[in-house]
């Protein structure tokens, strides 16, 4: 049961960076 809960919640996080943009000041 513990393994099922753990694996269902497990994830690999991929970092994503958003560039800074300027629109209408």
PDBML (XML) file of the C-alpha atoms, coordinates in Angstrom:
<?xml version="1.0" encoding="UTF-8" ?>
<PDBx:datablock datablockName="MODEL"
   xmlns:PDBx="http://pdbml.pdb.org/schema/pdbx-v50.xsd"
   xmlns:xsi="http://www.w3.org/2001/XMLSchema-instance"
   xsi:schemaLocation="http://pdbml.pdb.org/schema/pdbx-v50.xsd pdbx-v50.xsd">
   <PDBx:atom_siteCategory>
      <PDBx:atom_site id="1">
         <PDBx:B_iso_or_equiv>0.00</PDBx:B_iso_or_equiv>
         <PDBx:Cartn_x>0.000</PDBx:Cartn_x>
         <PDBx:Cartn_y>0.000</PDBx:Cartn_y>
         <PDBx:Cartn_z>0.000</PDBx:Cartn_z>
         <PDBx:auth_asym_id>A</PDBx:auth_asym_id>
         <PDBx:auth_atom_id>CA</PDBx:auth_atom_id>
         <PDBx:auth_comp_id>UNK</PDBx:auth_comp_id>
         <PDBx:auth_seq_id>1</PDBx:auth_seq_id>
         <PDBx:group_PDB>ATOM</PDBx:group_PDB>
         <PDBx:label_alt_id xsi:nil="true" />
         <PDBx:label_asym_id>A</PDBx:label_asym_id>
         <PDBx:label_atom_id>CA</PDBx:label_atom_id>
         <PDBx:label_comp_id>UNK</PDBx:label_comp_id>
         <PDBx:label_entity_id>1</PDBx:label_entity_id>
         <PDBx:label_seq_id>1</PDBx:label_seq_id>
         <PDBx:occupancy>1.00</PDBx:occupancy>
         <PDBx:pdbx_PDB_model_num>1</PDBx:pdbx_PDB_model_num>
         <PDBx:type_symbol>C</PDBx:type_symbol>
      </PDBx:atom_site>
      <PDBx:atom_site id="2">
         <PDBx:B_iso_or_equiv>0.00</PDBx:B_iso_or_equiv>
         <PDBx:Cartn_x>2.813</PDBx:Cartn_x>
         <PDBx:Cartn_y>2.426</PDBx:Cartn_y>
         <PDBx:Cartn_z>0.903</PDBx:Cartn_z>
         <PDBx:auth_asym_id>A</PDBx:auth_asym_id>
         <PDBx:auth_atom_id>CA</PDBx:auth_atom_id>
         <PDBx:auth_comp_id>UNK</PDBx:auth_comp_id>
         <PDBx:auth_seq_id>2</PDBx:auth_seq_id>
         <PDBx:group_PDB>ATOM</PDBx:group_PDB>
         <PDBx:label_alt_id xsi:nil="true" />
         <PDBx:label_asym_id>A</PDBx:label_asym_id>
         <PDBx:label_atom_id>CA</PDBx:label_atom_id>
         <PDBx:label_comp_id>UNK</PDBx:label_comp_id>
         <PDBx:label_entity_id>1</PDBx:label_entity_id>
         <PDBx:label_seq_id>2</PDBx:label_seq_id>
         <PDBx:occupancy>1.00</PDBx:occupancy>
         <PDBx:pdbx_PDB_model_num>1</PDBx:pdbx_PDB_model_num>
         <PDBx:type_symbol>C</PDBx:type_symbol>
      </PDBx:atom_site>
      <PDBx:atom_site id="3">
         <PDBx:B_iso_or_equiv>0.00</PDBx:B_iso_or_equiv>
         <PDBx:Cartn_x>4.593</PDBx:Cartn_x>
         <PDBx:Cartn_y>1.730</PDBx:Cartn_y>
         <PDBx:Cartn_z>-2.392</PDBx:Cartn_z>
         <PDBx:auth_asym_id>A</PDBx:auth_asym_id>
         <PDBx:auth_atom_id>CA</PDBx:auth_atom_id>
         <PDBx:auth_comp_id>UNK</PDBx:auth_comp_id>
         <PDBx:auth_seq_id>3</PDBx:auth_seq_id>
         <PDBx:group_PDB>ATOM</PDBx:group_PDB>
         <PDBx:label_alt_id xsi:nil="true" />
         <PDBx:label_asym_id>A</PDBx:label_asym_id>
         <PDBx:label_atom_id>CA</PDBx:label_atom_id>
         <PDBx:label_comp_id>UNK</PDBx:label_comp_id>
         <PDBx:label_entity_id>1</PDBx:label_entity_id>
         <PDBx:label_seq_id>3</PDBx:label_seq_id>
         <PDBx:occupancy>1.00</PDBx:occupancy>
         <PDBx:pdbx_PDB_model_num>1</PDBx:pdbx_PDB_model_num>
         <PDBx:type_symbol>C</PDBx:type_symbol>
      </PDBx:atom_site>
      <PDBx:atom_site id="4">
         <PDBx:B_iso_or_equiv>0.00</PDBx:B_iso_or_equiv>
         <PDBx:Cartn_x>1.419</PDBx:Cartn_x>
         <PDBx:Cartn_y>2.352</PDBx:Cartn_y>
         <PDBx:Cartn_z>-4.395</PDBx:Cartn_z>
         <PDBx:auth_asym_id>A</PDBx:auth_asym_id>
         <PDBx:auth_atom_id>CA</PDBx:auth_atom_id>
         <PDBx:auth_comp_id>UNK</PDBx:auth_comp_id>
         <PDBx:auth_seq_id>4</PDBx:auth_seq_id>
         <PDBx:group_PDB>ATOM</PDBx:group_PDB>
         <PDBx:label_alt_id xsi:nil="true" />
         <PDBx:label_asym_id>A</PDBx:label_asym_id>
         <PDBx:label_atom_id>CA</PDBx:label_atom_id>
         <PDBx:label_comp_id>UNK</PDBx:label_comp_id>
         <PDBx:label_entity_id>1</PDBx:label_entity_id>
         <PDBx:label_seq_id>4</PDBx:label_seq_id>
         <PDBx:occupancy>1.00</PDBx:occupancy>
         <PDBx:pdbx_PDB_model_num>1</PDBx:pdbx_PDB_model_num>
         <PDBx:type_symbol>C</PDBx:type_symbol>
      </PDBx:atom_site>
      <PDBx:atom_site id="5">
         <PDBx:B_iso_or_equiv>0.00</PDBx:B_iso_or_equiv>
         <PDBx:Cartn_x>0.831</PDBx:Cartn_x>
         <PDBx:Cartn_y>5.685</PDBx:Cartn_y>
         <PDBx:Cartn_z>-2.664</PDBx:Cartn_z>
         <PDBx:auth_asym_id>A</PDBx:auth_asym_id>
         <PDBx:auth_atom_id>CA</PDBx:auth_atom_id>
         <PDBx:auth_comp_id>UNK</PDBx:auth_comp_id>
         <PDBx:auth_seq_id>5</PDBx:auth_seq_id>
         <PDBx:group_PDB>ATOM</PDBx:group_PDB>
         <PDBx:label_alt_id xsi:nil="true" />
         <PDBx:label_asym_id>A</PDBx:label_asym_id>
         <PDBx:label_atom_id>CA</PDBx:label_atom_id>
         <PDBx:label_comp_id>UNK</PDBx:label_comp_id>
         <PDBx:label_entity_id>1</PDBx:label_entity_id>
         <PDBx:label_seq_id>5</PDBx:label_seq_id>
         <PDBx:occupancy>1.00</PDBx:occupancy>
         <PDBx:pdbx_PDB_model_num>1</PDBx:pdbx_PDB_model_num>
         <PDBx:type_symbol>C</PDBx:type_symbol>
      </PDBx:atom_site>
      <PDBx:atom_site id="6">
         <PDBx:B_iso_or_equiv>0.00</PDBx:B_iso_or_equiv>
         <PDBx:Cartn_x>4.481</PDBx:Cartn_x>
         <PDBx:Cartn_y>6.724</PDBx:Cartn_y>
         <PDBx:Cartn_z>-3.086</PDBx:Cartn_z>
         <PDBx:auth_asym_id>A</PDBx:auth_asym_id>
         <PDBx:auth_atom_id>CA</PDBx:auth_atom_id>
         <PDBx:auth_comp_id>UNK</PDBx:auth_comp_id>
         <PDBx:auth_seq_id>6</PDBx:auth_seq_id>
         <PDBx:group_PDB>ATOM</PDBx:group_PDB>
         <PDBx:label_alt_id xsi:nil="true" />
         <PDBx:label_asym_id>A</PDBx:label_asym_id>
         <PDBx:label_atom_id>CA</PDBx:label_atom_id>
         <PDBx:label_comp_id>UNK</PDBx:label_comp_id>
         <PDBx:label_entity_id>1</PDBx:label_entity_id>
         <PDBx:label_seq_id>6</PDBx:label_seq_id>
         <PDBx:occupancy>1.00</PDBx:occupancy>
         <PDBx:pdbx_PDB_model_num>1</PDBx:pdbx_PDB_model_num>
         <PDBx:type_symbol>C</PDBx:type_symbol>
      </PDBx:atom_site>
      <PDBx:atom_site id="7">
         <PDBx:B_iso_or_equiv>0.00</PDBx:B_iso_or_equiv>
         <PDBx:Cartn_x>4.692</PDBx:Cartn_x>
         <PDBx:Cartn_y>5.844</PDBx:Cartn_y>
         <PDBx:Cartn_z>-6.778</PDBx:Cartn_z>
         <PDBx:auth_asym_id>A</PDBx:auth_asym_id>
         <PDBx:auth_atom_id>CA</PDBx:auth_atom_id>
         <PDBx:auth_comp_id>UNK</PDBx:auth_comp_id>
         <PDBx:auth_seq_id>7</PDBx:auth_seq_id>
         <PDBx:group_PDB>ATOM</PDBx:group_PDB>
         <PDBx:label_alt_id xsi:nil="true" />
         <PDBx:label_asym_id>A</PDBx:label_asym_id>
         <PDBx:label_atom_id>CA</PDBx:label_atom_id>
         <PDBx:label_comp_id>UNK</PDBx:label_comp_id>
         <PDBx:label_entity_id>1</PDBx:label_entity_id>
         <PDBx:label_seq_id>7</PDBx:label_seq_id>
         <PDBx:occupancy>1.00</PDBx:occupancy>
         <PDBx:pdbx_PDB_model_num>1</PDBx:pdbx_PDB_model_num>
         <PDBx:type_symbol>C</PDBx:type_symbol>
      </PDBx:atom_site>
      <PDBx:atom_site id="8">
         <PDBx:B_iso_or_equiv>0.00</PDBx:B_iso_or_equiv>
         <PDBx:Cartn_x>1.382</PDBx:Cartn_x>
         <PDBx:Cartn_y>7.508</PDBx:Cartn_y>
         <PDBx:Cartn_z>-7.557</PDBx:Cartn_z>
         <PDBx:auth_asym_id>A</PDBx:auth_asym_id>
         <PDBx:auth_atom_id>CA</PDBx:auth_atom_id>
         <PDBx:auth_comp_id>UNK</PDBx:auth_comp_id>
         <PDBx:auth_seq_id>8</PDBx:auth_seq_id>
         <PDBx:group_PDB>ATOM</PDBx:group_PDB>
         <PDBx:label_alt_id xsi:nil="true" />
         <PDBx:label_asym_id>A</PDBx:label_asym_id>
         <PDBx:label_atom_id>CA</PDBx:label_atom_id>
         <PDBx:label_comp_id>UNK</PDBx:label_comp_id>
         <PDBx:label_entity_id>1</PDBx:label_entity_id>
         <PDBx:label_seq_id>8</PDBx:label_seq_id>
         <PDBx:occupancy>1.00</PDBx:occupancy>
         <PDBx:pdbx_PDB_model_num>1</PDBx:pdbx_PDB_model_num>
         <PDBx:type_symbol>C</PDBx:type_symbol>
      </PDBx:atom_site>
      <PDBx:atom_site id="9">
         <PDBx:B_iso_or_equiv>0.00</PDBx:B_iso_or_equiv>
         <PDBx:Cartn_x>2.638</PDBx:Cartn_x>
         <PDBx:Cartn_y>10.746</PDBx:Cartn_y>
         <PDBx:Cartn_z>-6.042</PDBx:Cartn_z>
         <PDBx:auth_asym_id>A</PDBx:auth_asym_id>
         <PDBx:auth_atom_id>CA</PDBx:auth_atom_id>
         <PDBx:auth_comp_id>UNK</PDBx:auth_comp_id>
         <PDBx:auth_seq_id>9</PDBx:auth_seq_id>
         <PDBx:group_PDB>ATOM</PDBx:group_PDB>
         <PDBx:label_alt_id xsi:nil="true" />
         <PDBx:label_asym_id>A</PDBx:label_asym_id>
         <PDBx:label_atom_id>CA</PDBx:label_atom_id>
         <PDBx:label_comp_id>UNK</PDBx:label_comp_id>
         <PDBx:label_entity_id>1</PDBx:label_entity_id>
         <PDBx:label_seq_id>9</PDBx:label_seq_id>
         <PDBx:occupancy>1.00</PDBx:occupancy>
         <PDBx:pdbx_PDB_model_num>1</PDBx:pdbx_PDB_model_num>
         <PDBx:type_symbol>C</PDBx:type_symbol>
      </PDBx:atom_site>
      <PDBx:atom_site id="10">
         <PDBx:B_iso_or_equiv>0.00</PDBx:B_iso_or_equiv>
         <PDBx:Cartn_x>6.230</PDBx:Cartn_x>
         <PDBx:Cartn_y>10.555</PDBx:Cartn_y>
         <PDBx:Cartn_z>-7.363</PDBx:Cartn_z>
         <PDBx:auth_asym_id>A</PDBx:auth_asym_id>
         <PDBx:auth_atom_id>CA</PDBx:auth_atom_id>
         <PDBx:auth_comp_id>UNK</PDBx:auth_comp_id>
         <PDBx:auth_seq_id>10</PDBx:auth_seq_id>
         <PDBx:group_PDB>ATOM</PDBx:group_PDB>
         <PDBx:label_alt_id xsi:nil="true" />
         <PDBx:label_asym_id>A</PDBx:label_asym_id>
         <PDBx:label_atom_id>CA</PDBx:label_atom_id>
         <PDBx:label_comp_id>UNK</PDBx:label_comp_id>
         <PDBx:label_entity_id>1</PDBx:label_entity_id>
         <PDBx:label_seq_id>10</PDBx:label_seq_id>
         <PDBx:occupancy>1.00</PDBx:occupancy>
         <PDBx:pdbx_PDB_model_num>1</PDBx:pdbx_PDB_model_num>
         <PDBx:type_symbol>C</PDBx:type_symbol>
      </PDBx:atom_site>
      <PDBx:atom_site id="11">
         <PDBx:B_iso_or_equiv>0.00</PDBx:B_iso_or_equiv>
         <PDBx:Cartn_x>7.274</PDBx:Cartn_x>
         <PDBx:Cartn_y>12.885</PDBx:Cartn_y>
         <PDBx:Cartn_z>-10.187</PDBx:Cartn_z>
         <PDBx:auth_asym_id>A</PDBx:auth_asym_id>
         <PDBx:auth_atom_id>CA</PDBx:auth_atom_id>
         <PDBx:auth_comp_id>UNK</PDBx:auth_comp_id>
         <PDBx:auth_seq_id>11</PDBx:auth_seq_id>
         <PDBx:group_PDB>ATOM</PDBx:group_PDB>
         <PDBx:label_alt_id xsi:nil="true" />
         <PDBx:label_asym_id>A</PDBx:label_asym_id>
         <PDBx:label_atom_id>CA</PDBx:label_atom_id>
         <PDBx:label_comp_id>UNK</PDBx:label_comp_id>
         <PDBx:label_entity_id>1</PDBx:label_entity_id>
         <PDBx:label_seq_id>11</PDBx:label_seq_id>
         <PDBx:occupancy>1.00</PDBx:occupancy>
         <PDBx:pdbx_PDB_model_num>1</PDBx:pdbx_PDB_model_num>
         <PDBx:type_symbol>C</PDBx:type_symbol>
      </PDBx:atom_site>
      <PDBx:atom_site id="12">
         <PDBx:B_iso_or_equiv>0.00</PDBx:B_iso_or_equiv>
         <PDBx:Cartn_x>10.375</PDBx:Cartn_x>
         <PDBx:Cartn_y>14.209</PDBx:Cartn_y>
         <PDBx:Cartn_z>-11.957</PDBx:Cartn_z>
         <PDBx:auth_asym_id>A</PDBx:auth_asym_id>
         <PDBx:auth_atom_id>CA</PDBx:auth_atom_id>
         <PDBx:auth_comp_id>UNK</PDBx:auth_comp_id>
         <PDBx:auth_seq_id>12</PDBx:auth_seq_id>
         <PDBx:group_PDB>ATOM</PDBx:group_PDB>
         <PDBx:label_alt_id xsi:nil="true" />
         <PDBx:label_asym_id>A</PDBx:label_asym_id>
         <PDBx:label_atom_id>CA</PDBx:label_atom_id>
         <PDBx:label_comp_id>UNK</PDBx:label_comp_id>
         <PDBx:label_entity_id>1</PDBx:label_entity_id>
         <PDBx:label_seq_id>12</PDBx:label_seq_id>
         <PDBx:occupancy>1.00</PDBx:occupancy>
         <PDBx:pdbx_PDB_model_num>1</PDBx:pdbx_PDB_model_num>
         <PDBx:type_symbol>C</PDBx:type_symbol>
      </PDBx:atom_site>
      <PDBx:atom_site id="13">
         <PDBx:B_iso_or_equiv>0.00</PDBx:B_iso_or_equiv>
         <PDBx:Cartn_x>10.450</PDBx:Cartn_x>
         <PDBx:Cartn_y>18.014</PDBx:Cartn_y>
         <PDBx:Cartn_z>-11.963</PDBx:Cartn_z>
         <PDBx:auth_asym_id>A</PDBx:auth_asym_id>
         <PDBx:auth_atom_id>CA</PDBx:auth_atom_id>
         <PDBx:auth_comp_id>UNK</PDBx:auth_comp_id>
         <PDBx:auth_seq_id>13</PDBx:auth_seq_id>
         <PDBx:group_PDB>ATOM</PDBx:group_PDB>
         <PDBx:label_alt_id xsi:nil="true" />
         <PDBx:label_asym_id>A</PDBx:label_asym_id>
         <PDBx:label_atom_id>CA</PDBx:label_atom_id>
         <PDBx:label_comp_id>UNK</PDBx:label_comp_id>
         <PDBx:label_entity_id>1</PDBx:label_entity_id>
         <PDBx:label_seq_id>13</PDBx:label_seq_id>
         <PDBx:occupancy>1.00</PDBx:occupancy>
         <PDBx:pdbx_PDB_model_num>1</PDBx:pdbx_PDB_model_num>
         <PDBx:type_symbol>C</PDBx:type_symbol>
      </PDBx:atom_site>
      <PDBx:atom_site id="14">
         <PDBx:B_iso_or_equiv>0.00</PDBx:B_iso_or_equiv>
         <PDBx:Cartn_x>11.888</PDBx:Cartn_x>
         <PDBx:Cartn_y>19.642</PDBx:Cartn_y>
         <PDBx:Cartn_z>-15.095</PDBx:Cartn_z>
         <PDBx:auth_asym_id>A</PDBx:auth_asym_id>
         <PDBx:auth_atom_id>CA</PDBx:auth_atom_id>
         <PDBx:auth_comp_id>UNK</PDBx:auth_comp_id>
         <PDBx:auth_seq_id>14</PDBx:auth_seq_id>
         <PDBx:group_PDB>ATOM</PDBx:group_PDB>
         <PDBx:label_alt_id xsi:nil="true" />
         <PDBx:label_asym_id>A</PDBx:label_asym_id>
         <PDBx:label_atom_id>CA</PDBx:label_atom_id>
         <PDBx:label_comp_id>UNK</PDBx:label_comp_id>
         <PDBx:label_entity_id>1</PDBx:label_entity_id>
         <PDBx:label_seq_id>14</PDBx:label_seq_id>
         <PDBx:occupancy>1.00</PDBx:occupancy>
         <PDBx:pdbx_PDB_model_num>1</PDBx:pdbx_PDB_model_num>
         <PDBx:type_symbol>C</PDBx:type_symbol>
      </PDBx:atom_site>
      <PDBx:atom_site id="15">
         <PDBx:B_iso_or_equiv>0.00</PDBx:B_iso_or_equiv>
         <PDBx:Cartn_x>13.037</PDBx:Cartn_x>
         <PDBx:Cartn_y>23.268</PDBx:Cartn_y>
         <PDBx:Cartn_z>-14.486</PDBx:Cartn_z>
         <PDBx:auth_asym_id>A</PDBx:auth_asym_id>
         <PDBx:auth_atom_id>CA</PDBx:auth_atom_id>
         <PDBx:auth_comp_id>UNK</PDBx:auth_comp_id>
         <PDBx:auth_seq_id>15</PDBx:auth_seq_id>
         <PDBx:group_PDB>ATOM</PDBx:group_PDB>
         <PDBx:label_alt_id xsi:nil="true" />
         <PDBx:label_asym_id>A</PDBx:label_asym_id>
         <PDBx:label_atom_id>CA</PDBx:label_atom_id>
         <PDBx:label_comp_id>UNK</PDBx:label_comp_id>
         <PDBx:label_entity_id>1</PDBx:label_entity_id>
         <PDBx:label_seq_id>15</PDBx:label_seq_id>
         <PDBx:occupancy>1.00</PDBx:occupancy>
         <PDBx:pdbx_PDB_model_num>1</PDBx:pdbx_PDB_model_num>
         <PDBx:type_symbol>C</PDBx:type_symbol>
      </PDBx:atom_site>
      <PDBx:atom_site id="16">
         <PDBx:B_iso_or_equiv>0.00</PDBx:B_iso_or_equiv>
         <PDBx:Cartn_x>11.500</PDBx:Cartn_x>
         <PDBx:Cartn_y>25.849</PDBx:Cartn_y>
         <PDBx:Cartn_z>-16.821</PDBx:Cartn_z>
         <PDBx:auth_asym_id>A</PDBx:auth_asym_id>
         <PDBx:auth_atom_id>CA</PDBx:auth_atom_id>
         <PDBx:auth_comp_id>UNK</PDBx:auth_comp_id>
         <PDBx:auth_seq_id>16</PDBx:auth_seq_id>
         <PDBx:group_PDB>ATOM</PDBx:group_PDB>
         <PDBx:label_alt_id xsi:nil="true" />
         <PDBx:label_asym_id>A</PDBx:label_asym_id>
         <PDBx:label_atom_id>CA</PDBx:label_atom_id>
         <PDBx:label_comp_id>UNK</PDBx:label_comp_id>
         <PDBx:label_entity_id>1</PDBx:label_entity_id>
         <PDBx:label_seq_id>16</PDBx:label_seq_id>
         <PDBx:occupancy>1.00</PDBx:occupancy>
         <PDBx:pdbx_PDB_model_num>1</PDBx:pdbx_PDB_model_num>
         <PDBx:type_symbol>C</PDBx:type_symbol>
      </PDBx:atom_site>
      <PDBx:atom_site id="17">
         <PDBx:B_iso_or_equiv>0.00</PDBx:B_iso_or_equiv>
         <PDBx:Cartn_x>12.721</PDBx:Cartn_x>
         <PDBx:Cartn_y>29.447</PDBx:Cartn_y>
         <PDBx:Cartn_z>-17.064</PDBx:Cartn_z>
         <PDBx:auth_asym_id>A</PDBx:auth_asym_id>
         <PDBx:auth_atom_id>CA</PDBx:auth_atom_id>
         <PDBx:auth_comp_id>UNK</PDBx:auth_comp_id>
         <PDBx:auth_seq_id>17</PDBx:auth_seq_id>
         <PDBx:group_PDB>ATOM</PDBx:group_PDB>
         <PDBx:label_alt_id xsi:nil="true" />
         <PDBx:label_asym_id>A</PDBx:label_asym_id>
         <PDBx:label_atom_id>CA</PDBx:label_atom_id>
         <PDBx:label_comp_id>UNK</PDBx:label_comp_id>
         <PDBx:label_entity_id>1</PDBx:label_entity_id>
         <PDBx:label_seq_id>17</PDBx:label_seq_id>
         <PDBx:occupancy>1.00</PDBx:occupancy>
         <PDBx:pdbx_PDB_model_num>1</PDBx:pdbx_PDB_model_num>
         <PDBx:type_symbol>C</PDBx:type_symbol>
      </PDBx:atom_site>
      <PDBx:atom_site id="18">
         <PDBx:B_iso_or_equiv>0.00</PDBx:B_iso_or_equiv>
         <PDBx:Cartn_x>10.548</PDBx:Cartn_x>
         <PDBx:Cartn_y>32.185</PDBx:Cartn_y>
         <PDBx:Cartn_z>-18.554</PDBx:Cartn_z>
         <PDBx:auth_asym_id>A</PDBx:auth_asym_id>
         <PDBx:auth_atom_id>CA</PDBx:auth_atom_id>
         <PDBx:auth_comp_id>UNK</PDBx:auth_comp_id>
         <PDBx:auth_seq_id>18</PDBx:auth_seq_id>
         <PDBx:group_PDB>ATOM</PDBx:group_PDB>
         <PDBx:label_alt_id xsi:nil="true" />
         <PDBx:label_asym_id>A</PDBx:label_asym_id>
         <PDBx:label_atom_id>CA</PDBx:label_atom_id>
         <PDBx:label_comp_id>UNK</PDBx:label_comp_id>
         <PDBx:label_entity_id>1</PDBx:label_entity_id>
         <PDBx:label_seq_id>18</PDBx:label_seq_id>
         <PDBx:occupancy>1.00</PDBx:occupancy>
         <PDBx:pdbx_PDB_model_num>1</PDBx:pdbx_PDB_model_num>
         <PDBx:type_symbol>C</PDBx:type_symbol>
      </PDBx:atom_site>
      <PDBx:atom_site id="19">
         <PDBx:B_iso_or_equiv>0.00</PDBx:B_iso_or_equiv>
         <PDBx:Cartn_x>12.276</PDBx:Cartn_x>
         <PDBx:Cartn_y>35.108</PDBx:Cartn_y>
         <PDBx:Cartn_z>-20.238</PDBx:Cartn_z>
         <PDBx:auth_asym_id>A</PDBx:auth_asym_id>
         <PDBx:auth_atom_id>CA</PDBx:auth_atom_id>
         <PDBx:auth_comp_id>UNK</PDBx:auth_comp_id>
         <PDBx:auth_seq_id>19</PDBx:auth_seq_id>
         <PDBx:group_PDB>ATOM</PDBx:group_PDB>
         <PDBx:label_alt_id xsi:nil="true" />
         <PDBx:label_asym_id>A</PDBx:label_asym_id>
         <PDBx:label_atom_id>CA</PDBx:label_atom_id>
         <PDBx:label_comp_id>UNK</PDBx:label_comp_id>
         <PDBx:label_entity_id>1</PDBx:label_entity_id>
         <PDBx:label_seq_id>19</PDBx:label_seq_id>
         <PDBx:occupancy>1.00</PDBx:occupancy>
         <PDBx:pdbx_PDB_model_num>1</PDBx:pdbx_PDB_model_num>
         <PDBx:type_symbol>C</PDBx:type_symbol>
      </PDBx:atom_site>
      <PDBx:atom_site id="20">
         <PDBx:B_iso_or_equiv>0.00</PDBx:B_iso_or_equiv>
         <PDBx:Cartn_x>11.483</PDBx:Cartn_x>
         <PDBx:Cartn_y>38.643</PDBx:Cartn_y>
         <PDBx:Cartn_z>-19.121</PDBx:Cartn_z>
         <PDBx:auth_asym_id>A</PDBx:auth_asym_id>
         <PDBx:auth_atom_id>CA</PDBx:auth_atom_id>
         <PDBx:auth_comp_id>UNK</PDBx:auth_comp_id>
         <PDBx:auth_seq_id>20</PDBx:auth_seq_id>
         <PDBx:group_PDB>ATOM</PDBx:group_PDB>
         <PDBx:label_alt_id xsi:nil="true" />
         <PDBx:label_asym_id>A</PDBx:label_asym_id>
         <PDBx:label_atom_id>CA</PDBx:label_atom_id>
         <PDBx:label_comp_id>UNK</PDBx:label_comp_id>
         <PDBx:label_entity_id>1</PDBx:label_entity_id>
         <PDBx:label_seq_id>20</PDBx:label_seq_id>
         <PDBx:occupancy>1.00</PDBx:occupancy>
         <PDBx:pdbx_PDB_model_num>1</PDBx:pdbx_PDB_model_num>
         <PDBx:type_symbol>C</PDBx:type_symbol>
      </PDBx:atom_site>
      <PDBx:atom_site id="21">
         <PDBx:B_iso_or_equiv>0.00</PDBx:B_iso_or_equiv>
         <PDBx:Cartn_x>9.362</PDBx:Cartn_x>
         <PDBx:Cartn_y>40.583</PDBx:Cartn_y>
         <PDBx:Cartn_z>-21.627</PDBx:Cartn_z>
         <PDBx:auth_asym_id>A</PDBx:auth_asym_id>
         <PDBx:auth_atom_id>CA</PDBx:auth_atom_id>
         <PDBx:auth_comp_id>UNK</PDBx:auth_comp_id>
         <PDBx:auth_seq_id>21</PDBx:auth_seq_id>
         <PDBx:group_PDB>ATOM</PDBx:group_PDB>
         <PDBx:label_alt_id xsi:nil="true" />
         <PDBx:label_asym_id>A</PDBx:label_asym_id>
         <PDBx:label_atom_id>CA</PDBx:label_atom_id>
         <PDBx:label_comp_id>UNK</PDBx:label_comp_id>
         <PDBx:label_entity_id>1</PDBx:label_entity_id>
         <PDBx:label_seq_id>21</PDBx:label_seq_id>
         <PDBx:occupancy>1.00</PDBx:occupancy>
         <PDBx:pdbx_PDB_model_num>1</PDBx:pdbx_PDB_model_num>
         <PDBx:type_symbol>C</PDBx:type_symbol>
      </PDBx:atom_site>
      <PDBx:atom_site id="22">
         <PDBx:B_iso_or_equiv>0.00</PDBx:B_iso_or_equiv>
         <PDBx:Cartn_x>8.230</PDBx:Cartn_x>
         <PDBx:Cartn_y>44.212</PDBx:Cartn_y>
         <PDBx:Cartn_z>-21.639</PDBx:Cartn_z>
         <PDBx:auth_asym_id>A</PDBx:auth_asym_id>
         <PDBx:auth_atom_id>CA</PDBx:auth_atom_id>
         <PDBx:auth_comp_id>UNK</PDBx:auth_comp_id>
         <PDBx:auth_seq_id>22</PDBx:auth_seq_id>
         <PDBx:group_PDB>ATOM</PDBx:group_PDB>
         <PDBx:label_alt_id xsi:nil="true" />
         <PDBx:label_asym_id>A</PDBx:label_asym_id>
         <PDBx:label_atom_id>CA</PDBx:label_atom_id>
         <PDBx:label_comp_id>UNK</PDBx:label_comp_id>
         <PDBx:label_entity_id>1</PDBx:label_entity_id>
         <PDBx:label_seq_id>22</PDBx:label_seq_id>
         <PDBx:occupancy>1.00</PDBx:occupancy>
         <PDBx:pdbx_PDB_model_num>1</PDBx:pdbx_PDB_model_num>
         <PDBx:type_symbol>C</PDBx:type_symbol>
      </PDBx:atom_site>
      <PDBx:atom_site id="23">
         <PDBx:B_iso_or_equiv>0.00</PDBx:B_iso_or_equiv>
         <PDBx:Cartn_x>4.867</PDBx:Cartn_x>
         <PDBx:Cartn_y>45.103</PDBx:Cartn_y>
         <PDBx:Cartn_z>-23.166</PDBx:Cartn_z>
         <PDBx:auth_asym_id>A</PDBx:auth_asym_id>
         <PDBx:auth_atom_id>CA</PDBx:auth_atom_id>
         <PDBx:auth_comp_id>UNK</PDBx:auth_comp_id>
         <PDBx:auth_seq_id>23</PDBx:auth_seq_id>
         <PDBx:group_PDB>ATOM</PDBx:group_PDB>
         <PDBx:label_alt_id xsi:nil="true" />
         <PDBx:label_asym_id>A</PDBx:label_asym_id>
         <PDBx:label_atom_id>CA</PDBx:label_atom_id>
         <PDBx:label_comp_id>UNK</PDBx:label_comp_id>
         <PDBx:label_entity_id>1</PDBx:label_entity_id>
         <PDBx:label_seq_id>23</PDBx:label_seq_id>
         <PDBx:occupancy>1.00</PDBx:occupancy>
         <PDBx:pdbx_PDB_model_num>1</PDBx:pdbx_PDB_model_num>
         <PDBx:type_symbol>C</PDBx:type_symbol>
      </PDBx:atom_site>
      <PDBx:atom_site id="24">
         <PDBx:B_iso_or_equiv>0.00</PDBx:B_iso_or_equiv>
         <PDBx:Cartn_x>3.198</PDBx:Cartn_x>
         <PDBx:Cartn_y>48.510</PDBx:Cartn_y>
         <PDBx:Cartn_z>-22.889</PDBx:Cartn_z>
         <PDBx:auth_asym_id>A</PDBx:auth_asym_id>
         <PDBx:auth_atom_id>CA</PDBx:auth_atom_id>
         <PDBx:auth_comp_id>UNK</PDBx:auth_comp_id>
         <PDBx:auth_seq_id>24</PDBx:auth_seq_id>
         <PDBx:group_PDB>ATOM</PDBx:group_PDB>
         <PDBx:label_alt_id xsi:nil="true" />
         <PDBx:label_asym_id>A</PDBx:label_asym_id>
         <PDBx:label_atom_id>CA</PDBx:label_atom_id>
         <PDBx:label_comp_id>UNK</PDBx:label_comp_id>
         <PDBx:label_entity_id>1</PDBx:label_entity_id>
         <PDBx:label_seq_id>24</PDBx:label_seq_id>
         <PDBx:occupancy>1.00</PDBx:occupancy>
         <PDBx:pdbx_PDB_model_num>1</PDBx:pdbx_PDB_model_num>
         <PDBx:type_symbol>C</PDBx:type_symbol>
      </PDBx:atom_site>
      <PDBx:atom_site id="25">
         <PDBx:B_iso_or_equiv>0.00</PDBx:B_iso_or_equiv>
         <PDBx:Cartn_x>5.644</PDBx:Cartn_x>
         <PDBx:Cartn_y>49.481</PDBx:Cartn_y>
         <PDBx:Cartn_z>-20.164</PDBx:Cartn_z>
         <PDBx:auth_asym_id>A</PDBx:auth_asym_id>
         <PDBx:auth_atom_id>CA</PDBx:auth_atom_id>
         <PDBx:auth_comp_id>UNK</PDBx:auth_comp_id>
         <PDBx:auth_seq_id>25</PDBx:auth_seq_id>
         <PDBx:group_PDB>ATOM</PDBx:group_PDB>
         <PDBx:label_alt_id xsi:nil="true" />
         <PDBx:label_asym_id>A</PDBx:label_asym_id>
         <PDBx:label_atom_id>CA</PDBx:label_atom_id>
         <PDBx:label_comp_id>UNK</PDBx:label_comp_id>
         <PDBx:label_entity_id>1</PDBx:label_entity_id>
         <PDBx:label_seq_id>25</PDBx:label_seq_id>
         <PDBx:occupancy>1.00</PDBx:occupancy>
         <PDBx:pdbx_PDB_model_num>1</PDBx:pdbx_PDB_model_num>
         <PDBx:type_symbol>C</PDBx:type_symbol>
      </PDBx:atom_site>
   </PDBx:atom_siteCategory>
</PDBx:datablock>
